[in-house]
Amino acid sequence: METITAGAVPAAVAKLPGLGADAAAPSLVRRIHRARWVVAGLLLTVLTAALLTTAVPLRPALAALGHMRWGFLPVLVLLSLLHYVCSAVALRGAAGRPLPLVRTTMTQLTASAANRVTPGGLGAAAVNTRYLVCRGLPLPRAAVAVAVRQVAGVPADLLLTGAVLGIGAVLTPGGGNDRMLDALGHHASRAAGLVPPLPLLMAAGVLLPAAVLWGRRAVRSAAARSAAAGLADLCRRPRDLAVTLAASAGTTFVLGVAFALGVLAVPGTAVGPADAPALIAAYLVGAAAGSAVPTPGGVGSTEAALVAALAALGIAAGPALHAVLLFRAVTFWAPVPLGILACRTLRR
């Protein structure tokens, strides 16, 4: 889950048409049109690098398309749309307003298209803030509501991850979840063993004081105070808080289920429906690792992290890459044209 600061949202919103001093800035649709070739080139580069890195020949990859279980595709599309509905419900809860569900869902599609060309989730934050302003919220309150929704997603995803790992451990003792945790521990221990202790201590002695000073300044900033006030206000509305947390967890869980179905749709993965909890856990771990890299939409890093998570479950590199590309094509790239059309409809 990408997080943003409340102070970064108004600056991004001010550049949108109709808000702030820069009213002559190009529209969001025009920016998306200008960036579409950049995104397409970046995607092509990522796919080529992934194929070369994993040594998957192109001809077997294309031949595997004929053996796909295409019956899973309609369910994947429905889950992708349900993801945006859950995101709209989370925004309604954070805003504390009875926003129309259809238009709010269309706004989430537009926000996802904006996120494909902006790092750190700022594109989606700007779109959602603009939408809340058009629905009657003052700009500072709209920015805080968007930031609160992003912040609320962190504990929601942590609780969801713990629940999925716990349920998987109970249902399948010694199964995929245990292999995932063992792989994480093994990689963490290897990474720790590769770092010399003296440079690590020197870096910690320099970085920790700087982090403390930066943290104190951040806590005392106006953006932090606004976000804290927004969280306090949300906590005083238990119903909206529950809706925001549940819907935020729902957005991630729906994508996890879609990822599991994408893996089941690819032949050669040697997994079944009983492995669904482990596959959902693999998505949660891989998506969290991929979002740590500040690229637009996590392009490249998310695919690599998801393939690595499937490899930790013992799935071969070829089928793992096919499953990840299918999942990302349906849930990540296919909604972009819908987002552009939704943006035009919302502007009218």
Protein backbone atom coordinates (compact mmCIF):
# COMPACT_ATOMS: atom_id res chain seq x y z
CA MET A 1 0.00 0.00 0.00
CA GLU A 2 1.46 3.30 -1.10
CA THR A 3 1.35 6.06 1.48
CA ILE A 4 1.39 9.81 0.91
CA THR A 5 1.59 12.87 3.06
CA ALA A 6 -1.28 15.28 3.48
CA GLY A 7 0.97 18.20 2.53
CA ALA A 8 1.84 16.72 -0.86
CA VAL A 9 -1.78 16.44 -1.95
CA PRO A 10 -2.77 20.12 -2.23
CA ALA A 11 0.36 20.86 -4.29
CA ALA A 12 -0.58 18.13 -6.73
CA VAL A 13 -4.23 19.15 -6.79
CA ALA A 14 -3.33 22.78 -7.46
CA LYS A 15 -1.95 21.74 -10.82
CA LEU A 16 -5.23 20.19 -11.92
CA PRO A 17 -7.54 22.31 -14.06
CA GLY A 18 -10.05 24.37 -12.16
CA LEU A 19 -8.21 24.38 -8.83
CA GLY A 20 -5.48 26.70 -7.51
CA ALA A 21 -3.63 29.42 -9.30
CA ASP A 22 -2.42 27.26 -12.15
CA ALA A 23 -5.81 26.99 -13.86
CA ALA A 24 -4.18 26.91 -17.30
CA ALA A 25 -2.34 23.65 -16.60
CA PRO A 26 -3.06 20.83 -19.07
CA SER A 27 -5.87 18.52 -18.10
CA LEU A 28 -5.32 15.12 -16.56
CA VAL A 29 -6.63 13.38 -19.67
CA ARG A 30 -4.14 15.26 -21.86
CA ARG A 31 -1.28 14.31 -19.54
CA ILE A 32 -2.30 10.67 -19.63
CA HIS A 33 -2.45 10.78 -23.44
CA ARG A 34 1.03 12.30 -23.60
CA ALA A 35 2.46 9.69 -21.25
CA ARG A 36 0.82 6.63 -22.82
CA TRP A 37 3.77 5.94 -25.12
CA VAL A 38 6.20 6.32 -22.23
CA VAL A 39 4.20 3.82 -20.20
CA ALA A 40 3.97 1.44 -23.14
CA GLY A 41 7.72 1.63 -23.70
CA LEU A 42 8.40 1.09 -20.02
CA LEU A 43 6.11 -1.95 -19.96
CA LEU A 44 7.80 -3.39 -23.06
CA THR A 45 11.20 -2.88 -21.46
CA VAL A 46 10.08 -4.57 -18.24
CA LEU A 47 8.62 -7.55 -20.08
CA THR A 48 11.76 -7.95 -22.19
CA ALA A 49 14.01 -7.73 -19.14
CA ALA A 50 11.86 -10.22 -17.26
CA LEU A 51 11.98 -12.70 -20.13
CA LEU A 52 15.75 -12.36 -20.48
CA THR A 53 16.36 -12.51 -16.73
CA THR A 54 14.35 -15.66 -16.18
CA ALA A 55 15.63 -17.25 -19.41
CA VAL A 56 12.12 -18.08 -20.59
CA PRO A 57 12.15 -18.61 -24.38
CA LEU A 58 9.57 -16.60 -26.29
CA ARG A 59 8.17 -19.51 -28.31
CA PRO A 60 7.26 -21.67 -25.25
CA ALA A 61 5.76 -18.59 -23.61
CA LEU A 62 3.51 -17.97 -26.61
CA ALA A 63 2.67 -21.67 -26.88
CA ALA A 64 1.58 -21.66 -23.25
CA LEU A 65 -1.22 -19.23 -24.13
CA GLY A 66 -3.03 -22.03 -25.95
CA HIS A 67 -3.09 -24.11 -22.78
CA MET A 68 -4.33 -21.40 -20.44
CA ARG A 69 -7.48 -22.05 -18.43
CA TRP A 70 -9.38 -19.11 -19.91
CA GLY A 71 -12.47 -19.91 -17.83
CA PHE A 72 -10.83 -17.99 -14.99
CA LEU A 73 -10.62 -14.79 -17.06
CA PRO A 74 -14.21 -13.51 -16.45
CA VAL A 75 -13.75 -13.99 -12.71
CA LEU A 76 -10.45 -12.10 -12.86
CA VAL A 77 -12.17 -9.19 -14.61
CA LEU A 78 -14.98 -9.12 -12.03
CA LEU A 79 -12.47 -9.16 -9.16
CA SER A 80 -10.56 -6.31 -10.78
CA LEU A 81 -13.75 -4.23 -10.91
CA LEU A 82 -14.63 -5.22 -7.34
CA HIS A 83 -11.24 -3.89 -6.27
CA TYR A 84 -12.23 -0.41 -7.43
CA VAL A 85 -15.62 -0.68 -5.75
CA CYS A 86 -13.90 -1.46 -2.43
CA SER A 87 -11.56 1.47 -2.97
CA ALA A 88 -14.58 3.74 -3.54
CA VAL A 89 -16.21 2.51 -0.33
CA ALA A 90 -12.98 3.23 1.59
CA LEU A 91 -12.93 6.79 0.22
CA ARG A 92 -16.55 7.29 1.26
CA GLY A 93 -15.76 6.18 4.79
CA ALA A 94 -12.70 8.42 5.09
CA ALA A 95 -14.59 11.43 3.72
CA GLY A 96 -17.60 10.91 5.99
CA ARG A 97 -19.92 11.83 3.12
CA PRO A 98 -22.59 9.73 1.34
CA LEU A 99 -20.80 9.90 -2.01
CA PRO A 100 -22.50 8.25 -5.02
CA LEU A 101 -20.97 4.81 -5.38
CA VAL A 102 -20.95 4.67 -9.20
CA ARG A 103 -19.21 8.01 -9.68
CA THR A 104 -16.82 7.33 -6.83
CA THR A 105 -15.90 4.01 -8.45
CA MET A 106 -15.35 5.80 -11.77
CA THR A 107 -13.08 8.20 -9.92
CA GLN A 108 -11.02 5.27 -8.65
CA LEU A 109 -10.59 4.05 -12.24
CA THR A 110 -9.40 7.53 -13.21
CA ALA A 111 -7.08 7.59 -10.21
CA SER A 112 -5.58 4.26 -11.21
CA ALA A 113 -4.86 5.61 -14.71
CA ALA A 114 -3.16 8.65 -13.16
CA ASN A 115 -1.10 6.37 -10.92
CA ARG A 116 0.40 4.63 -13.93
CA VAL A 117 2.42 7.75 -14.76
CA THR A 118 3.13 9.21 -11.30
CA PRO A 119 5.21 7.65 -8.49
CA GLY A 120 4.21 7.46 -4.85
CA GLY A 121 0.47 7.44 -5.47
CA LEU A 122 0.38 11.23 -5.99
CA GLY A 123 -1.68 10.94 -9.18
CA ALA A 124 -4.45 9.03 -7.44
CA ALA A 125 -4.28 11.39 -4.47
CA ALA A 126 -4.70 14.42 -6.71
CA VAL A 127 -7.65 12.88 -8.58
CA ASN A 128 -9.43 11.81 -5.39
CA THR A 129 -8.86 15.19 -3.77
CA ARG A 130 -10.21 17.00 -6.82
CA TYR A 131 -13.27 14.73 -6.77
CA LEU A 132 -13.96 15.41 -3.08
CA VAL A 133 -13.61 19.15 -3.69
CA CYS A 134 -16.13 18.89 -6.53
CA ARG A 135 -18.46 17.07 -4.09
CA GLY A 136 -18.37 20.04 -1.73
CA LEU A 137 -15.49 19.35 0.68
CA PRO A 138 -13.01 22.17 1.33
CA LEU A 139 -9.60 21.51 -0.19
CA PRO A 140 -7.74 21.05 3.16
CA ARG A 141 -10.36 18.62 4.44
CA ALA A 142 -10.42 16.72 1.13
CA ALA A 143 -6.62 16.38 1.15
CA VAL A 144 -6.67 15.12 4.73
CA ALA A 145 -9.43 12.62 3.93
CA VAL A 146 -7.39 11.17 1.06
CA ALA A 147 -4.26 10.97 3.22
CA VAL A 148 -6.21 9.35 6.06
CA ARG A 149 -7.55 6.72 3.69
CA GLN A 150 -4.01 5.91 2.56
CA VAL A 151 -2.72 5.75 6.14
CA ALA A 152 -5.63 3.55 7.25
CA GLY A 153 -4.63 1.05 4.59
CA VAL A 154 -1.38 0.23 6.41
CA PRO A 155 -2.90 -1.33 9.57
CA ALA A 156 -5.66 -2.88 7.45
CA ASP A 157 -3.09 -4.65 5.25
CA LEU A 158 -1.03 -5.73 8.26
CA LEU A 159 -4.10 -7.25 9.90
CA LEU A 160 -5.06 -8.93 6.64
CA THR A 161 -1.58 -10.39 6.21
CA GLY A 162 -1.58 -11.77 9.75
CA ALA A 163 -5.04 -13.26 9.26
CA VAL A 164 -4.12 -14.91 5.95
CA LEU A 165 -0.88 -16.36 7.33
CA GLY A 166 -2.67 -17.59 10.46
CA ILE A 167 -5.53 -19.19 8.57
CA GLY A 168 -3.13 -20.80 6.13
CA ALA A 169 -1.04 -22.23 8.97
CA VAL A 170 -4.16 -23.71 10.59
CA LEU A 171 -5.64 -25.16 7.40
CA THR A 172 -2.40 -26.49 5.91
CA PRO A 173 0.26 -27.07 8.59
CA GLY A 174 3.69 -27.21 6.99
CA GLY A 175 2.25 -26.00 3.68
CA GLY A 176 2.84 -23.00 1.46
CA ASN A 177 2.66 -20.38 4.18
CA ASP A 178 5.42 -22.08 6.15
CA ARG A 179 7.54 -22.28 3.01
CA MET A 180 6.93 -18.58 2.41
CA LEU A 181 7.98 -17.64 5.95
CA ASP A 182 11.02 -19.94 5.77
CA ALA A 183 12.07 -18.35 2.48
CA LEU A 184 11.70 -14.86 3.92
CA GLY A 185 13.77 -15.78 6.95
CA HIS A 186 16.42 -17.43 4.77
CA HIS A 187 16.75 -14.40 2.48
CA ALA A 188 16.82 -12.01 5.44
CA SER A 189 19.60 -14.00 7.12
CA ARG A 190 21.61 -14.13 3.89
CA ALA A 191 21.22 -10.38 3.39
CA ALA A 192 22.31 -9.74 6.96
CA GLY A 193 25.35 -11.98 6.51
CA LEU A 194 26.47 -10.11 3.38
CA VAL A 195 26.65 -6.74 5.15
CA PRO A 196 29.95 -6.10 7.05
CA PRO A 197 29.23 -5.14 10.68
CA LEU A 198 31.58 -2.11 10.89
CA PRO A 199 30.14 -0.17 7.90
CA LEU A 200 26.66 -1.07 9.12
CA LEU A 201 27.36 0.41 12.55
CA MET A 202 28.90 3.54 11.01
CA ALA A 203 25.91 4.01 8.73
CA ALA A 204 23.52 3.48 11.63
CA GLY A 205 25.41 6.06 13.69
CA VAL A 206 24.93 8.63 10.93
CA LEU A 207 21.46 7.74 9.69
CA LEU A 208 19.67 7.19 12.99
CA PRO A 209 20.29 10.72 14.37
CA ALA A 210 19.31 12.18 11.00
CA ALA A 211 16.14 10.08 10.99
CA VAL A 212 15.30 11.22 14.51
CA LEU A 213 15.73 14.89 13.56
CA TRP A 214 13.71 14.44 10.38
CA GLY A 215 11.01 12.58 12.31
CA ARG A 216 10.72 15.35 14.89
CA ARG A 217 10.37 17.97 12.18
CA ALA A 218 7.83 15.85 10.32
CA VAL A 219 5.74 15.31 13.45
CA ARG A 220 5.70 19.05 14.15
CA SER A 221 4.79 19.99 10.57
CA ALA A 222 1.38 21.31 9.58
CA ALA A 223 0.81 18.31 7.32
CA ALA A 224 1.38 15.87 10.19
CA ARG A 225 -0.92 17.84 12.47
CA SER A 226 -3.61 17.86 9.80
CA ALA A 227 -3.26 14.11 9.24
CA ALA A 228 -3.38 13.44 12.99
CA ALA A 229 -6.48 15.60 13.30
CA GLY A 230 -8.05 13.70 10.41
CA LEU A 231 -7.28 10.35 12.02
CA ALA A 232 -8.68 11.56 15.34
CA ASP A 233 -11.83 12.72 13.58
CA LEU A 234 -12.17 9.34 11.84
CA CYS A 235 -11.72 7.52 15.16
CA ARG A 236 -14.61 9.56 16.57
CA ARG A 237 -16.77 8.04 13.84
CA PRO A 238 -16.59 4.31 14.62
CA ARG A 239 -18.84 3.31 11.74
CA ASP A 240 -16.79 5.21 9.15
CA LEU A 241 -13.58 3.89 10.71
CA ALA A 242 -14.80 0.29 10.43
CA VAL A 243 -15.93 0.86 6.84
CA THR A 244 -12.60 2.44 5.88
CA LEU A 245 -10.50 -0.34 7.43
CA ALA A 246 -12.69 -3.14 6.07
CA ALA A 247 -12.83 -1.66 2.57
CA SER A 248 -9.07 -0.96 2.56
CA ALA A 249 -8.39 -4.57 3.53
CA GLY A 250 -10.96 -5.66 0.96
CA THR A 251 -9.13 -3.93 -1.89
CA THR A 252 -5.96 -5.86 -1.09
CA PHE A 253 -7.75 -9.14 -0.39
CA VAL A 254 -9.65 -9.00 -3.68
CA LEU A 255 -6.40 -8.54 -5.58
CA GLY A 256 -4.89 -11.42 -3.60
CA VAL A 257 -7.75 -13.69 -4.67
CA ALA A 258 -7.34 -12.51 -8.26
CA PHE A 259 -3.64 -13.31 -8.06
CA ALA A 260 -4.40 -16.81 -6.79
CA LEU A 261 -6.84 -17.37 -9.65
CA GLY A 262 -4.25 -16.09 -12.11
CA VAL A 263 -1.78 -18.69 -10.85
CA LEU A 264 -4.41 -21.43 -11.03
CA ALA A 265 -5.20 -20.40 -14.61
CA VAL A 266 -1.63 -21.13 -15.77
CA PRO A 267 -0.75 -24.75 -16.48
CA GLY A 268 2.42 -26.12 -14.97
CA THR A 269 2.22 -24.30 -11.65
CA ALA A 270 1.36 -27.57 -9.84
CA VAL A 271 -0.97 -25.84 -7.36
CA GLY A 272 -4.62 -26.40 -6.53
CA PRO A 273 -7.49 -24.65 -4.76
CA ALA A 274 -6.13 -25.83 -1.40
CA ASP A 275 -3.07 -23.64 -1.99
CA ALA A 276 -5.16 -20.46 -2.26
CA PRO A 277 -4.18 -19.12 1.22
CA ALA A 278 -0.49 -19.56 0.39
CA LEU A 279 -0.95 -17.83 -2.97
CA ILE A 280 -2.77 -14.92 -1.34
CA ALA A 281 0.03 -14.67 1.21
CA ALA A 282 2.56 -14.69 -1.65
CA TYR A 283 0.72 -11.77 -3.23
CA LEU A 284 0.64 -9.79 0.02
CA VAL A 285 4.37 -10.27 0.56
CA GLY A 286 5.31 -9.64 -3.07
CA ALA A 287 3.10 -6.56 -3.46
CA ALA A 288 4.48 -5.04 -0.26
CA ALA A 289 8.06 -5.63 -1.44
CA GLY A 290 7.33 -4.28 -4.92
CA SER A 291 5.65 -1.10 -3.67
CA ALA A 292 8.79 -0.20 -1.71
CA VAL A 293 10.45 0.88 -4.97
CA PRO A 294 9.19 4.37 -5.99
CA THR A 295 8.35 3.63 -9.62
CA PRO A 296 5.03 4.58 -11.24
CA GLY A 297 2.60 1.88 -10.13
CA GLY A 298 5.50 -0.31 -9.00
CA VAL A 299 6.11 -1.34 -12.61
CA GLY A 300 8.94 -3.84 -12.82
CA SER A 301 9.59 -4.16 -9.10
CA THR A 302 6.17 -5.63 -8.36
CA GLU A 303 6.43 -8.20 -11.14
CA ALA A 304 9.88 -9.28 -9.96
CA ALA A 305 8.75 -9.50 -6.33
CA LEU A 306 5.67 -11.56 -7.23
CA VAL A 307 7.71 -13.98 -9.33
CA ALA A 308 10.16 -14.33 -6.43
CA ALA A 309 7.27 -14.98 -4.02
CA LEU A 310 5.95 -17.75 -6.26
CA ALA A 311 9.46 -19.18 -6.54
CA ALA A 312 9.54 -19.38 -2.74
CA LEU A 313 6.49 -21.66 -3.01
CA GLY A 314 8.38 -23.98 -5.34
CA ILE A 315 6.76 -22.82 -8.61
CA ALA A 316 9.02 -22.85 -11.66
CA ALA A 317 10.15 -19.52 -13.12
CA GLY A 318 8.33 -19.95 -16.44
CA PRO A 319 4.81 -20.62 -15.11
CA ALA A 320 5.35 -18.06 -12.33
CA LEU A 321 6.18 -15.36 -14.86
CA HIS A 322 3.18 -16.30 -17.01
CA ALA A 323 0.86 -16.08 -14.00
CA VAL A 324 2.23 -12.71 -12.90
CA LEU A 325 1.96 -11.22 -16.39
CA LEU A 326 -1.63 -12.47 -16.73
CA PHE A 327 -2.55 -11.02 -13.36
CA ARG A 328 -0.94 -7.65 -14.04
CA ALA A 329 -2.42 -7.43 -17.53
CA VAL A 330 -5.98 -7.92 -16.27
CA THR A 331 -5.85 -5.99 -12.99
CA PHE A 332 -3.20 -3.34 -13.70
CA TRP A 333 -3.14 -2.42 -17.39
CA ALA A 334 -6.62 -3.33 -18.66
CA PRO A 335 -8.40 -0.72 -16.43
CA VAL A 336 -6.31 2.17 -17.84
CA PRO A 337 -8.54 2.80 -20.92
CA LEU A 338 -11.59 2.56 -18.66
CA GLY A 339 -10.00 5.16 -16.38
CA ILE A 340 -9.46 7.56 -19.28
CA LEU A 341 -13.07 7.15 -20.41
CA ALA A 342 -14.29 7.58 -16.85
CA CYS A 343 -12.26 10.77 -16.54
CA ARG A 344 -13.95 12.23 -19.62
CA THR A 345 -17.38 11.25 -18.28
CA LEU A 346 -16.70 12.78 -14.88
CA ARG A 347 -15.47 16.03 -16.43
CA ARG A 348 -18.72 16.32 -18.38
